[in-house]
Amino acid sequence: MSARESHGLHAHGDEDLCEAGMGLYARALRKGSVRRDDGETAPCLLDLGLLHPDMDDEKRLVPTAPTVALPRLLRAFDERIAEERRREARLAEAFEPLLRIEGSHTAVTDTPTIRGLHGKGQIDLAITEALAKASDELLAIQPHNGLASKTLGASLERDQALLDRGARIRTLYQHPVRHTPPVIARYELLRGDVEARTLDEVTERLLVIDRAVAFVAASKDRTAALEVRTPALLTFFVTTFDRLWRLATPMYPEAAHRPSLNGITPRQHAIAALLIEGHTDAAIADRLGLNIRTARVHIAKLAATLGSESRAQLGYLIAESGILKHKGAVE
């Protein structure tokens, strides 16, 4: 088998030195030479000039000294790098007049788009860097996941620095947060233009900073996110936030009372709507930011208020009571 045929069984980059090649080269250095047949098992050594035929014995290969081989290989890399830079300069020169053309139909795709972020460390760093440059506004949607009190301290200083620069902060939560003391205490510590409102249901986590960059949760456990700078998507996020904001109930600085209607609380109205849609207790809890035990307590209270003795009867009584027709009156 020739060296070139052997190369197919020993494939790797033309400029790489594999483990087998390293071993054979080291043996050649120690012994002064190796058999020519051995060289066919590592053709990269011949390609890189690390082994060459012995002028005194055609059946042997002798090594090139490392002090000679390494500078030669590095010089070849330098020459290739220099050629790539010359090519880069030629491309830049060719595109320079094109970049000045106005009215290009490719403007929509010329802006930075989306970057994936993985791991809470990378996500937090990207958000911190974006907030450090912000001076106008932070819009946030924070779904309730039972972990709010564990992460509040880390962002308090960051948010206060943003407020100190004259920016405003608007945050949407789910209704259970209204009864979470650490969240309320955090808002009492912040100084500046900061407001919070709540809804039965919100989207996954969303941060929009100065309407220039957004961070969107890409996994349920928040270990993956997307950094978005596409103008069309940013406009969509801001519009969605504004519409949800108008529907939400104020929580801070002035908390609005959420009145009951005919003995049915706003939380029970939200649960009734989901029950009618056929959702399970677990799905209802997830949608409303509750743990399943709390959701079942609310379901039991709703059943008691309507006089229901079974799940099937509860659905019927909800429909017959007409309470969902009046839901807007209690929001």
Foldseek 3Di string as FASTA:
>chain_A
DALVVLCVVVDDDLLDQDPLNVVVLVVLVVVQKDFPVSCSNGVSCVSLQQWDADPVDRGIIGGDDPVVSVVVSVVVVVVVVVVVVVVVVVVCVVCVVVVPDPPDPCVLVPDDFKDKAFFPVRVVVVVLVLLVPFAAEKEKEAEAAPCCLVCLVVCLVSVQVNQVSVYAYEYEYAPVVLVPVSVVVSVVPHDHHYWYFYHQADDHIKMQTPLQWMWGQPDPVSRMIMIGRRNVVSVVVVVVSVVVVVLTATRPPDGDDQDADLQAGLLLLLLLVVLLVPDDLCVSCVRRNHHSVVSVVSVVSQCVSQVHDDSVVSNVSSVVVCVNVCSSVRD
